[in-house]
N, C-alpha and C. Protein backbone atom coordinates (compact mmCIF):
# COMPACT_ATOMS: atom_id res chain seq x y z
N MET A 1 167.77 91.28 135.97
CA MET A 1 168.53 89.74 135.07
C MET A 1 168.99 89.85 134.21
N VAL A 2 169.96 90.05 134.10
CA VAL A 2 170.05 90.25 131.96
C VAL A 2 170.22 89.14 131.47
N GLU A 3 170.79 88.60 130.21
CA GLU A 3 169.73 87.53 129.22
C GLU A 3 171.13 87.08 129.03
N ASP A 4 171.90 86.07 128.53
CA ASP A 4 173.33 85.27 128.64
C ASP A 4 172.94 85.04 127.43
N LYS A 5 173.41 85.96 126.42
CA LYS A 5 174.04 85.59 125.13
C LYS A 5 174.15 85.13 124.72
N GLU A 6 175.28 84.12 125.01
CA GLU A 6 175.89 83.43 124.95
C GLU A 6 176.07 81.86 125.28
N ASN A 7 174.41 81.63 126.17
CA ASN A 7 174.12 80.65 127.13
C ASN A 7 172.51 79.58 126.13
N SER A 8 172.34 79.62 125.29
CA SER A 8 170.79 78.77 124.61
C SER A 8 170.45 78.01 125.34
N LYS A 9 171.35 77.67 126.90
CA LYS A 9 170.81 76.83 128.08
C LYS A 9 170.00 77.48 129.33
N ASP A 10 170.06 79.15 129.01
CA ASP A 10 169.84 79.50 129.91
C ASP A 10 168.63 80.20 129.76
N PRO A 11 167.49 80.03 130.78
CA PRO A 11 165.56 80.46 130.96
C PRO A 11 166.07 82.02 130.41
N ARG A 12 166.45 82.92 130.52
CA ARG A 12 166.78 84.84 130.06
C ARG A 12 167.61 84.78 128.37
N TYR A 13 167.77 82.99 127.96
CA TYR A 13 168.59 83.59 126.24
C TYR A 13 167.62 84.48 125.47
N LEU A 14 167.91 85.07 125.16
CA LEU A 14 166.78 85.52 124.49
C LEU A 14 166.39 84.46 123.02
N THR A 15 164.71 84.31 122.33
CA THR A 15 164.68 83.43 121.34
C THR A 15 163.20 84.37 120.39
N PHE A 16 163.11 83.71 119.39
CA PHE A 16 162.40 84.56 118.31
C PHE A 16 161.03 82.83 119.25
N ASP A 17 159.63 84.02 119.06
CA ASP A 17 158.34 83.30 119.02
C ASP A 17 157.06 83.56 118.70
N HIS A 18 156.52 82.77 117.62
CA HIS A 18 155.69 82.68 116.64
C HIS A 18 154.31 83.44 117.75
N ARG A 19 153.87 84.71 117.53
CA ARG A 19 152.62 84.95 118.43
C ARG A 19 151.52 83.56 117.84
N THR A 20 151.51 82.90 116.84
CA THR A 20 150.58 81.81 116.61
C THR A 20 150.96 81.01 116.13
N PRO A 21 151.03 79.84 117.23
CA PRO A 21 151.71 78.50 116.60
C PRO A 21 152.45 78.32 114.95
N ARG A 22 153.53 77.77 114.81
CA ARG A 22 153.86 77.88 113.21
C ARG A 22 153.72 79.51 111.93
N LYS A 23 153.25 80.28 112.65
CA LYS A 23 153.11 81.56 111.83
C LYS A 23 154.12 81.85 111.43
N GLU A 24 154.98 81.82 110.62
CA GLU A 24 156.51 82.56 110.08
C GLU A 24 156.91 83.72 110.27
N SER A 25 155.32 84.31 109.85
CA SER A 25 155.79 86.11 110.04
C SER A 25 154.81 86.95 111.30
N ASP A 26 155.03 86.36 111.92
CA ASP A 26 154.24 86.61 113.00
C ASP A 26 154.80 86.63 113.88
N VAL A 27 157.02 87.40 114.00
CA VAL A 27 157.59 86.36 115.25
C VAL A 27 157.74 88.04 116.38
N VAL A 28 157.98 87.22 117.74
CA VAL A 28 158.28 88.43 119.00
C VAL A 28 159.53 88.08 119.09
N VAL A 29 160.39 88.87 119.82
CA VAL A 29 161.75 88.20 120.99
C VAL A 29 160.74 87.81 121.97
N ALA A 30 161.35 86.41 122.42
CA ALA A 30 160.79 86.23 124.27
C ALA A 30 161.95 85.52 125.15
N ALA A 31 162.39 85.54 126.12
CA ALA A 31 163.07 84.43 127.17
C ALA A 31 163.05 83.48 126.58
N TYR A 32 163.52 82.43 126.49
CA TYR A 32 164.09 80.80 126.06
C TYR A 32 162.82 80.31 127.40
N VAL A 33 162.47 80.69 128.28
CA VAL A 33 161.33 79.87 129.60
C VAL A 33 160.40 80.18 128.68
N ILE A 34 159.96 81.89 128.80
CA ILE A 34 158.47 82.31 127.95
C ILE A 34 158.26 80.89 126.96
N ASN A 35 158.79 81.57 126.20
CA ASN A 35 159.04 80.52 124.28
C ASN A 35 158.61 79.36 124.67
N ASP A 36 159.17 78.98 125.65
CA ASP A 36 158.86 77.40 125.72
C ASP A 36 157.97 77.11 126.60
N MET A 37 157.24 77.82 127.31
CA MET A 37 156.19 77.93 128.22
C MET A 37 154.84 78.16 127.33
N LYS A 38 154.48 79.09 126.49
CA LYS A 38 153.89 79.48 125.50
C LYS A 38 153.90 78.68 124.39
N SER A 39 154.90 77.47 123.45
CA SER A 39 155.09 77.09 122.61
C SER A 39 153.90 76.76 121.80
N ASP A 40 152.89 76.49 122.34
CA ASP A 40 151.56 75.59 120.99
C ASP A 40 150.17 76.27 121.48
N MET A 41 150.62 77.39 121.83
CA MET A 41 149.51 78.72 122.49
C MET A 41 149.37 79.84 121.67
N THR A 42 148.67 80.20 121.14
CA THR A 42 148.70 81.46 120.65
C THR A 42 148.67 82.44 122.44
N GLU A 43 149.10 83.60 122.17
CA GLU A 43 149.07 84.86 122.62
C GLU A 43 148.50 85.48 123.88
N SER A 44 147.29 85.29 123.05
CA SER A 44 146.19 85.33 123.82
C SER A 44 145.61 83.83 124.71
N GLU A 45 145.71 82.95 124.39
CA GLU A 45 145.75 81.32 125.08
C GLU A 45 146.66 81.41 126.25
N PHE A 46 147.98 81.94 125.73
CA PHE A 46 149.19 82.36 126.69
C PHE A 46 148.68 83.57 127.78
N LYS A 47 147.91 84.46 127.76
CA LYS A 47 148.06 85.24 128.24
C LYS A 47 146.71 84.77 129.43
N LYS A 48 145.35 84.17 128.67
CA LYS A 48 144.31 83.71 129.64
C LYS A 48 145.48 82.36 130.91
N MET A 49 146.02 81.72 130.02
CA MET A 49 146.33 80.56 131.08
C MET A 49 147.28 81.08 132.37
N VAL A 50 147.92 82.22 132.10
CA VAL A 50 148.75 82.31 133.46
C VAL A 50 147.84 83.80 134.12
N ILE A 51 146.85 84.23 133.29
CA ILE A 51 145.67 84.34 135.16
C ILE A 51 145.48 83.99 135.08
N GLN A 52 145.04 82.18 134.73
CA GLN A 52 144.04 81.68 135.29
C GLN A 52 144.99 81.32 136.37
N LEU A 53 146.48 80.58 135.88
CA LEU A 53 147.17 80.35 137.10
C LEU A 53 148.01 81.33 138.52
N ALA A 54 147.42 82.00 137.60
CA ALA A 54 147.64 83.63 139.31
C ALA A 54 146.94 83.84 139.96
N SER A 55 145.61 83.29 139.70
CA SER A 55 144.21 83.08 140.33
C SER A 55 144.21 81.81 141.00
N ARG A 56 144.42 81.00 140.60
CA ARG A 56 144.94 79.79 141.55
C ARG A 56 145.72 79.67 142.73
N PHE A 57 147.17 80.20 142.38
CA PHE A 57 148.51 80.29 142.98
C PHE A 57 147.57 81.34 144.60
N LYS A 58 146.21 82.23 143.65
CA LYS A 58 146.32 83.29 145.31
C LYS A 58 145.17 82.63 145.66
N GLY A 59 144.83 81.39 145.43
CA GLY A 59 143.77 80.62 146.28
C GLY A 59 142.37 80.87 145.64
N GLY A 60 142.29 81.24 144.28
CA GLY A 60 140.81 81.74 143.88
C GLY A 60 140.90 79.96 143.19
N PRO A 61 139.57 80.72 142.23
CA PRO A 61 139.07 79.36 140.91
C PRO A 61 140.19 79.12 139.83
N PHE A 62 140.11 78.33 139.13
CA PHE A 62 140.62 78.18 137.96
C PHE A 62 139.72 77.54 136.54
N ASP A 63 139.19 78.67 136.08
CA ASP A 63 138.34 78.51 134.42
C ASP A 63 139.19 77.99 133.72
N GLU A 64 138.60 75.94 133.51
CA GLU A 64 139.46 75.47 133.38
C GLU A 64 138.46 75.89 131.24
N ARG A 65 137.68 76.47 131.04
CA ARG A 65 138.20 76.60 129.81
C ARG A 65 138.93 77.04 129.14
N VAL A 66 139.86 77.67 129.72
CA VAL A 66 140.75 77.86 128.83
C VAL A 66 141.98 77.02 128.38
N PHE A 67 141.91 76.05 128.80
CA PHE A 67 142.16 74.48 128.19
C PHE A 67 141.43 74.66 126.63
N ASN A 68 141.13 75.77 125.96
CA ASN A 68 140.47 75.19 124.79
C ASN A 68 141.68 75.70 124.21
N LEU A 69 143.11 75.34 123.65
CA LEU A 69 143.86 75.53 122.99
C LEU A 69 143.34 75.41 121.51
N LYS A 70 143.90 76.04 120.57
CA LYS A 70 143.34 75.93 118.95
C LYS A 70 144.40 75.36 118.31
N HIS A 71 145.79 75.89 118.56
CA HIS A 71 147.00 75.56 118.29
C HIS A 71 147.67 73.35 118.67
N TRP A 72 147.22 72.98 119.51
CA TRP A 72 148.27 72.43 120.41
C TRP A 72 147.72 71.32 119.77
N LYS A 73 149.05 70.63 119.62
CA LYS A 73 149.38 69.44 118.63
C LYS A 73 150.34 68.62 118.84
N ARG A 74 150.24 68.38 119.90
CA ARG A 74 151.53 66.94 120.69
C ARG A 74 150.35 65.73 121.08
N LYS A 75 150.84 64.31 120.83
CA LYS A 75 149.74 63.65 121.02
C LYS A 75 149.98 63.34 122.20
N ILE A 76 148.87 62.56 122.93
CA ILE A 76 148.31 62.14 124.30
C ILE A 76 148.55 61.29 124.47
């Protein structure tokens, strides 16, 4: 699959992602869908979450300790 450089609604559209949420000095390129999923997580938190989700999808356990998200700022 090739990203759609013209359609900002395409999940493969290239965006800039902050490795640490709201830290303007450290950005990388990421597909829109990944950037949106990672949103308020650091790169490390996101990787841990993905690993735990993969474990659960394979029928294994999910370690809820990965929900210790330092940069989560959304209201509940």
